[in-house]
Amino acid sequence: MSDTRAMGFVLAMVLLCLPGTGAAAEIWVHPGDTIQAAIDSATIGDMIIVFPGTYSGEGNREISFGGKDLIVVSFTGPEDTIIDCEGEARAFALHDGETRASIISGFSIVNGYAHTGGGISIEGSSPEILNCLFRNCVAFSVPSGGNTIYPGAGGGVYATGGASPCIAGCTFAYCWAQGQDSLYPYRGSGLLASYSTVEVDRCLFVDGRGGAALVAMISSIDVSRCVFFENTEVGFDWTSDSTLEVDANVCDRGQDASYEFCSDSVCLPSGNEWGVQVGALGVGCGPCNTPVETMSWGAIKALYREPR
């Protein structure tokens, strides 16, 4: 991607839910740097631009804004800007009253691991989470005395404590809320909101394991233009008149899969009634729903006939 197109991507993403946002200064993060160090050096309103690469280890997980409203955005998007939590922690913890002027955009957040919010935990804050892939993020269960297991909550994202985030254009793939049982059956493999108000728009929930993909627990979730495919359950205690439960047509699926779209995916603007992109990634392969041609048994045998 050229520099011009990359910066166009950045600007489009940060303006998506919050038109008119401006940054006081730009801080650049390159592979080998840490995102947390850039945030620590920033002042309110700054834009932190993260170059393509894989970011892992201390300083690139449990990232906190510390109450500062900042924009943290990848330079080229989630396909090649990855925060790998390595099964050790979550990527971001926004617990200090950040407002909608705080934006996280354009990352693949993979292998997250926490009791609540395997990818991102939001408590009493209201950030924008835009165009991010959450893949193989786990909210793990913990013992709570005797033989009781307290299940994890929010494999991808957990919002609580009066949080009011906007989550738009994201993919929740192969995420997991562990420890589902008869007492706690609905814990949100993709997203769980507890005592919060959340906007969810143009998101894909696919291959969620353990509990429903999207759950409002004493909360309000406004869901629009989302696609659900192959989750344990779709969701509980939210309503929407603009969701689809259909094959999302992704190129590959699984713990290490890309979850890019087939060229005929319902998640592309040309494939859905809303005319919008659903989910974080783009086209990664040709059509998946190709016509099946009939073939006679003789023709099939001919394919294996030894040449004369």
Protein backbone atom coordinates (compact mmCIF):
# COMPACT_ATOMS: atom_id res chain seq x y z
CA MET A 1 0.00 0.00 0.00
CA SER A 2 1.34 3.42 -0.92
CA ASP A 3 1.91 6.10 1.72
CA THR A 4 -0.97 8.12 0.28
CA ARG A 5 -3.39 5.18 0.43
CA ALA A 6 -2.16 4.25 3.91
CA MET A 7 -2.77 7.69 5.31
CA GLY A 8 -6.14 7.72 3.59
CA PHE A 9 -6.95 4.50 5.47
CA VAL A 10 -5.89 6.08 8.76
CA LEU A 11 -8.00 9.17 8.27
CA ALA A 12 -11.04 7.22 7.10
CA MET A 13 -10.94 4.94 10.12
CA VAL A 14 -10.53 7.60 12.78
CA LEU A 15 -13.28 9.76 11.28
CA LEU A 16 -15.71 6.87 10.84
CA CYS A 17 -17.63 7.22 14.10
CA LEU A 18 -16.38 10.64 15.16
CA PRO A 19 -16.28 13.16 12.30
CA GLY A 20 -14.15 16.21 12.90
CA THR A 21 -11.61 14.54 15.17
CA GLY A 22 -8.17 16.12 14.99
CA ALA A 23 -4.88 15.17 16.61
CA ALA A 24 -2.51 17.58 18.34
CA ALA A 25 0.62 15.68 17.32
CA GLU A 26 1.70 12.45 15.63
CA ILE A 27 3.85 9.84 17.35
CA TRP A 28 5.20 7.03 15.19
CA VAL A 29 5.69 3.46 16.43
CA HIS A 30 7.91 1.02 14.50
CA PRO A 31 8.58 -2.70 15.06
CA GLY A 32 10.88 -2.96 18.06
CA ASP A 33 9.17 -0.04 19.79
CA THR A 34 6.32 -0.43 22.26
CA ILE A 35 2.89 1.07 21.92
CA GLN A 36 2.73 1.77 25.66
CA ALA A 37 5.87 3.90 25.54
CA ALA A 38 4.34 6.01 22.78
CA ILE A 39 1.16 6.45 24.80
CA ASP A 40 3.11 7.40 27.91
CA SER A 41 4.88 10.16 25.95
CA ALA A 42 1.67 11.47 24.40
CA THR A 43 -0.59 14.29 25.50
CA ILE A 44 -4.36 14.47 25.16
CA GLY A 45 -5.47 14.47 21.53
CA ASP A 46 -2.28 13.04 20.05
CA MET A 47 -2.38 10.44 17.27
CA ILE A 48 -0.15 7.39 17.66
CA ILE A 49 0.46 5.73 14.28
CA VAL A 50 1.74 2.14 14.37
CA PHE A 51 3.72 0.83 11.41
CA PRO A 52 3.15 -2.69 10.01
CA GLY A 53 4.64 -5.52 12.03
CA THR A 54 3.97 -7.82 14.96
CA TYR A 55 4.01 -6.24 18.40
CA SER A 56 4.32 -8.50 21.45
CA GLY A 57 5.79 -8.64 24.93
CA GLU A 58 5.81 -6.07 27.72
CA GLY A 59 4.63 -2.69 26.56
CA ASN A 60 2.49 -4.23 23.82
CA ARG A 61 -0.14 -5.84 26.03
CA GLU A 62 -2.29 -4.56 28.89
CA ILE A 63 -1.87 -1.22 27.12
CA SER A 64 -3.46 1.64 29.06
CA PHE A 65 -4.32 5.15 27.92
CA GLY A 66 -4.11 6.32 31.53
CA GLY A 67 -7.19 8.48 31.16
CA LYS A 68 -5.84 10.43 28.17
CA ASP A 69 -8.05 10.68 25.10
CA LEU A 70 -5.76 9.51 22.29
CA ILE A 71 -5.98 8.02 18.81
CA VAL A 72 -4.01 4.78 18.33
CA VAL A 73 -4.20 3.64 14.73
CA SER A 74 -2.28 1.33 12.42
CA PHE A 75 -0.64 2.79 9.33
CA THR A 76 -1.98 0.22 6.86
CA GLY A 77 -4.66 -1.79 8.64
CA PRO A 78 -5.23 -5.09 10.46
CA GLU A 79 -3.92 -7.38 7.71
CA ASP A 80 -0.30 -6.62 8.61
CA THR A 81 -0.37 -4.75 11.96
CA ILE A 82 -0.68 -7.35 14.70
CA ILE A 83 -0.72 -7.19 18.48
CA ASP A 84 0.12 -10.73 19.58
CA CYS A 85 -0.68 -11.20 23.26
CA GLU A 86 0.94 -14.68 23.15
CA GLY A 87 -1.67 -16.13 25.51
CA GLU A 88 -0.33 -14.01 28.38
CA ALA A 89 -2.74 -11.07 28.72
CA ARG A 90 -5.15 -8.84 26.82
CA ALA A 91 -4.07 -6.13 24.38
CA PHE A 92 -5.75 -3.02 25.87
CA ALA A 93 -7.23 -2.15 29.27
CA LEU A 94 -9.20 1.11 29.16
CA HIS A 95 -10.31 1.68 32.74
CA ASP A 96 -9.71 5.39 33.35
CA GLY A 97 -12.68 7.28 31.98
CA GLU A 98 -11.58 7.61 28.36
CA THR A 99 -14.27 9.18 26.14
CA ARG A 100 -15.37 8.73 22.53
CA ALA A 101 -12.37 10.89 21.60
CA SER A 102 -10.23 7.81 22.35
CA ILE A 103 -9.89 5.59 19.27
CA ILE A 104 -8.24 2.24 18.60
CA SER A 105 -8.30 1.40 14.89
CA GLY A 106 -6.88 -1.05 12.39
CA PHE A 107 -5.22 -3.84 14.40
CA SER A 108 -5.30 -7.62 14.50
CA ILE A 109 -5.47 -8.51 18.19
CA VAL A 110 -4.59 -12.19 18.49
CA ASN A 111 -4.04 -14.77 21.24
CA GLY A 112 -5.43 -12.55 24.00
CA TYR A 113 -6.01 -14.16 27.39
CA ALA A 114 -7.74 -12.68 30.44
CA HIS A 115 -10.62 -13.53 32.76
CA THR A 116 -12.66 -10.61 31.38
CA GLY A 117 -11.99 -9.14 27.98
CA GLY A 118 -9.49 -11.47 26.33
CA GLY A 119 -8.76 -8.84 23.69
CA ILE A 120 -9.84 -5.53 25.19
CA SER A 121 -11.30 -4.68 28.61
CA ILE A 122 -13.34 -1.47 28.92
CA GLU A 123 -14.46 -0.29 32.36
CA GLY A 124 -16.17 3.04 32.90
CA SER A 125 -14.82 4.29 29.56
CA SER A 126 -16.32 4.98 26.15
CA PRO A 127 -13.74 4.54 23.37
CA GLU A 128 -14.23 3.88 19.67
CA ILE A 129 -12.93 0.44 18.58
CA LEU A 130 -12.77 0.43 14.79
CA ASN A 131 -11.73 -2.01 12.08
CA CYS A 132 -10.01 -4.51 14.39
CA LEU A 133 -9.75 -8.28 14.10
CA PHE A 134 -10.04 -10.22 17.37
CA ARG A 135 -8.78 -13.75 16.71
CA ASN A 136 -8.25 -16.60 19.19
CA CYS A 137 -8.88 -14.31 22.16
CA VAL A 138 -9.93 -16.16 25.32
CA ALA A 139 -11.76 -15.11 28.46
CA PHE A 140 -10.64 -17.84 30.84
CA SER A 141 -12.59 -19.35 33.72
CA VAL A 142 -11.35 -19.31 37.33
CA PRO A 143 -12.23 -21.33 40.44
CA SER A 144 -14.50 -19.54 42.88
CA GLY A 145 -14.54 -22.01 45.76
CA GLY A 146 -15.24 -25.70 46.04
CA ASN A 147 -16.06 -27.24 42.71
CA THR A 148 -17.55 -24.03 41.33
CA ILE A 149 -15.94 -22.46 38.29
CA TYR A 150 -16.58 -18.81 37.51
CA PRO A 151 -16.61 -18.53 33.72
CA GLY A 152 -14.77 -16.01 31.63
CA ALA A 153 -16.61 -13.01 30.19
CA GLY A 154 -16.10 -11.42 26.80
CA GLY A 155 -13.60 -13.40 24.76
CA GLY A 156 -12.98 -10.46 22.44
CA VAL A 157 -14.24 -7.42 24.35
CA TYR A 158 -15.69 -6.90 27.82
CA ALA A 159 -17.46 -3.64 28.68
CA THR A 160 -18.62 -2.87 32.22
CA GLY A 161 -19.03 -0.19 34.84
CA GLY A 162 -21.12 2.25 32.82
CA ALA A 163 -18.98 1.91 29.71
CA SER A 164 -20.38 3.34 26.49
CA PRO A 165 -18.10 2.30 23.61
CA CYS A 166 -18.72 2.20 19.87
CA ILE A 167 -17.44 -0.96 18.19
CA ALA A 168 -17.61 -0.76 14.41
CA GLY A 169 -16.22 -2.68 11.45
CA CYS A 170 -14.64 -5.40 13.59
CA THR A 171 -14.29 -9.16 13.19
CA PHE A 172 -14.57 -11.50 16.17
CA ALA A 173 -13.17 -14.84 15.00
CA TYR A 174 -12.48 -18.06 16.91
CA CYS A 175 -12.83 -16.31 20.28
CA TRP A 176 -13.84 -18.18 23.38
CA ALA A 177 -15.52 -17.60 26.74
CA GLN A 178 -14.49 -20.54 28.90
CA GLY A 179 -16.45 -22.26 31.65
CA GLN A 180 -20.03 -22.13 30.42
CA ASP A 181 -22.46 -24.03 32.61
CA SER A 182 -26.11 -23.99 33.66
CA LEU A 183 -25.54 -21.08 36.05
CA TYR A 184 -23.54 -18.92 33.65
CA PRO A 185 -24.53 -19.94 30.12
CA TYR A 186 -24.30 -16.56 28.45
CA ARG A 187 -20.87 -14.99 28.74
CA GLY A 188 -20.07 -13.59 25.30
CA SER A 189 -17.45 -15.37 23.21
CA GLY A 190 -17.17 -12.19 21.14
CA LEU A 191 -18.47 -9.37 23.31
CA LEU A 192 -20.13 -9.15 26.71
CA ALA A 193 -21.59 -5.91 28.06
CA SER A 194 -22.36 -5.69 31.76
CA TYR A 195 -24.07 -2.58 33.16
CA SER A 196 -23.10 -0.69 30.01
CA THR A 197 -24.43 0.82 26.79
CA VAL A 198 -22.67 -0.33 23.62
CA GLU A 199 -23.05 0.46 19.91
CA VAL A 200 -22.10 -2.41 17.59
CA ASP A 201 -22.15 -1.75 13.85
CA ARG A 202 -20.87 -3.63 10.77
CA CYS A 203 -19.22 -6.42 12.77
CA LEU A 204 -18.69 -10.08 11.91
CA PHE A 205 -18.97 -12.75 14.62
CA VAL A 206 -17.66 -16.09 13.38
CA ASP A 207 -16.63 -19.39 15.04
CA GLY A 208 -17.33 -18.17 18.58
CA ARG A 209 -16.84 -20.92 21.15
CA GLY A 210 -18.45 -21.17 24.58
CA GLY A 211 -21.53 -19.09 25.20
CA ALA A 212 -23.28 -16.70 22.86
CA ALA A 213 -21.29 -14.45 20.55
CA LEU A 214 -22.85 -11.18 21.75
CA VAL A 215 -24.46 -10.73 25.16
CA ALA A 216 -26.06 -7.81 27.01
CA MET A 217 -26.16 -8.47 30.74
CA ILE A 218 -28.22 -5.74 32.43
CA SER A 219 -27.03 -3.59 29.54
CA SER A 220 -28.15 -2.03 26.29
CA ILE A 221 -26.49 -3.11 23.04
CA ASP A 222 -27.57 -1.34 19.86
CA VAL A 223 -26.73 -3.77 17.05
CA SER A 224 -26.84 -2.84 13.37
CA ARG A 225 -25.64 -4.42 10.11
CA CYS A 226 -23.83 -7.40 11.66
CA VAL A 227 -23.24 -10.94 10.36
CA PHE A 228 -23.16 -14.08 12.53
CA PHE A 229 -21.81 -17.44 11.37
CA GLU A 230 -21.04 -20.73 13.15
CA ASN A 231 -21.13 -19.46 16.74
CA THR A 232 -22.23 -21.63 19.68
CA GLU A 233 -25.13 -19.20 20.01
CA VAL A 234 -25.80 -15.83 18.38
CA GLY A 235 -26.70 -13.59 21.30
CA PHE A 236 -28.93 -12.73 24.22
CA ASP A 237 -30.81 -9.71 25.54
CA TRP A 238 -30.25 -7.38 22.60
CA THR A 239 -32.46 -6.70 19.63
CA SER A 240 -31.81 -5.63 16.06
CA ASP A 241 -33.67 -5.59 12.77
CA SER A 242 -30.52 -5.53 10.61
CA THR A 243 -28.45 -8.66 11.22
CA LEU A 244 -27.80 -11.76 9.13
CA GLU A 245 -27.15 -15.35 10.23
CA VAL A 246 -25.55 -16.74 7.08
CA ASP A 247 -22.31 -18.23 5.79
CA ALA A 248 -19.84 -15.36 5.90
CA ASN A 249 -17.75 -16.90 3.09
CA VAL A 250 -14.24 -16.45 4.45
CA CYS A 251 -11.16 -17.93 2.79
CA ASP A 252 -10.02 -19.95 5.79
CA ARG A 253 -11.09 -20.48 9.38
CA GLY A 254 -9.43 -21.57 12.61
CA GLN A 255 -7.03 -20.55 15.34
CA ASP A 256 -4.37 -19.24 12.96
CA ALA A 257 -6.54 -18.40 9.95
CA SER A 258 -6.64 -15.02 8.27
CA TYR A 259 -10.45 -14.74 8.07
CA GLU A 260 -10.16 -12.68 4.91
CA PHE A 261 -13.20 -12.69 2.65
CA CYS A 262 -14.00 -14.65 -0.46
CA SER A 263 -14.75 -12.36 -3.37
CA ASP A 264 -18.44 -13.30 -3.13
CA SER A 265 -18.74 -12.84 0.64
CA VAL A 266 -21.92 -11.43 2.12
CA CYS A 267 -19.65 -9.19 4.20
CA LEU A 268 -18.65 -7.12 1.17
CA PRO A 269 -20.70 -4.09 0.07
CA SER A 270 -21.75 -5.92 -3.09
CA GLY A 271 -22.93 -8.94 -1.10
CA ASN A 272 -25.35 -7.49 1.44
CA GLU A 273 -28.52 -5.44 1.40
CA TRP A 274 -26.90 -2.62 3.36
CA GLY A 275 -24.19 -1.90 0.79
CA VAL A 276 -21.46 -1.72 3.47
CA GLN A 277 -18.29 -3.57 4.44
CA VAL A 278 -18.88 -5.84 7.44
CA GLY A 279 -15.87 -6.89 9.49
CA ALA A 280 -12.25 -5.79 9.53
CA LEU A 281 -10.55 -7.49 6.59
CA GLY A 282 -10.72 -7.39 2.81
CA VAL A 283 -10.84 -9.91 -0.01
CA GLY A 284 -8.22 -12.65 0.24
CA CYS A 285 -9.36 -15.23 -2.33
CA GLY A 286 -11.77 -15.83 -5.19
CA PRO A 287 -15.42 -16.83 -4.95
CA CYS A 288 -16.39 -19.57 -2.51
CA ASN A 289 -19.87 -20.29 -3.82
CA THR A 290 -19.00 -21.57 -7.30
CA PRO A 291 -21.57 -23.52 -9.30
CA VAL A 292 -21.29 -27.31 -9.02
CA GLU A 293 -20.99 -29.03 -12.41
CA THR A 294 -22.47 -32.48 -12.81
CA MET A 295 -20.22 -35.21 -14.20
CA SER A 296 -21.05 -38.72 -15.35
CA TRP A 297 -19.47 -41.77 -13.72
CA GLY A 298 -17.70 -42.54 -16.97
CA ALA A 299 -16.15 -39.08 -17.04
CA ILE A 300 -14.97 -39.48 -13.45
CA LYS A 301 -13.33 -42.85 -14.27
CA ALA A 302 -11.68 -41.30 -17.29
CA LEU A 303 -9.81 -38.90 -15.02
CA TYR A 304 -7.93 -41.87 -13.52
CA ARG A 305 -7.46 -43.95 -16.68
CA GLU A 306 -3.83 -44.68 -17.44
CA PRO A 307 -2.62 -43.07 -20.66
CA ARG A 308 -2.05 -45.40 -23.63
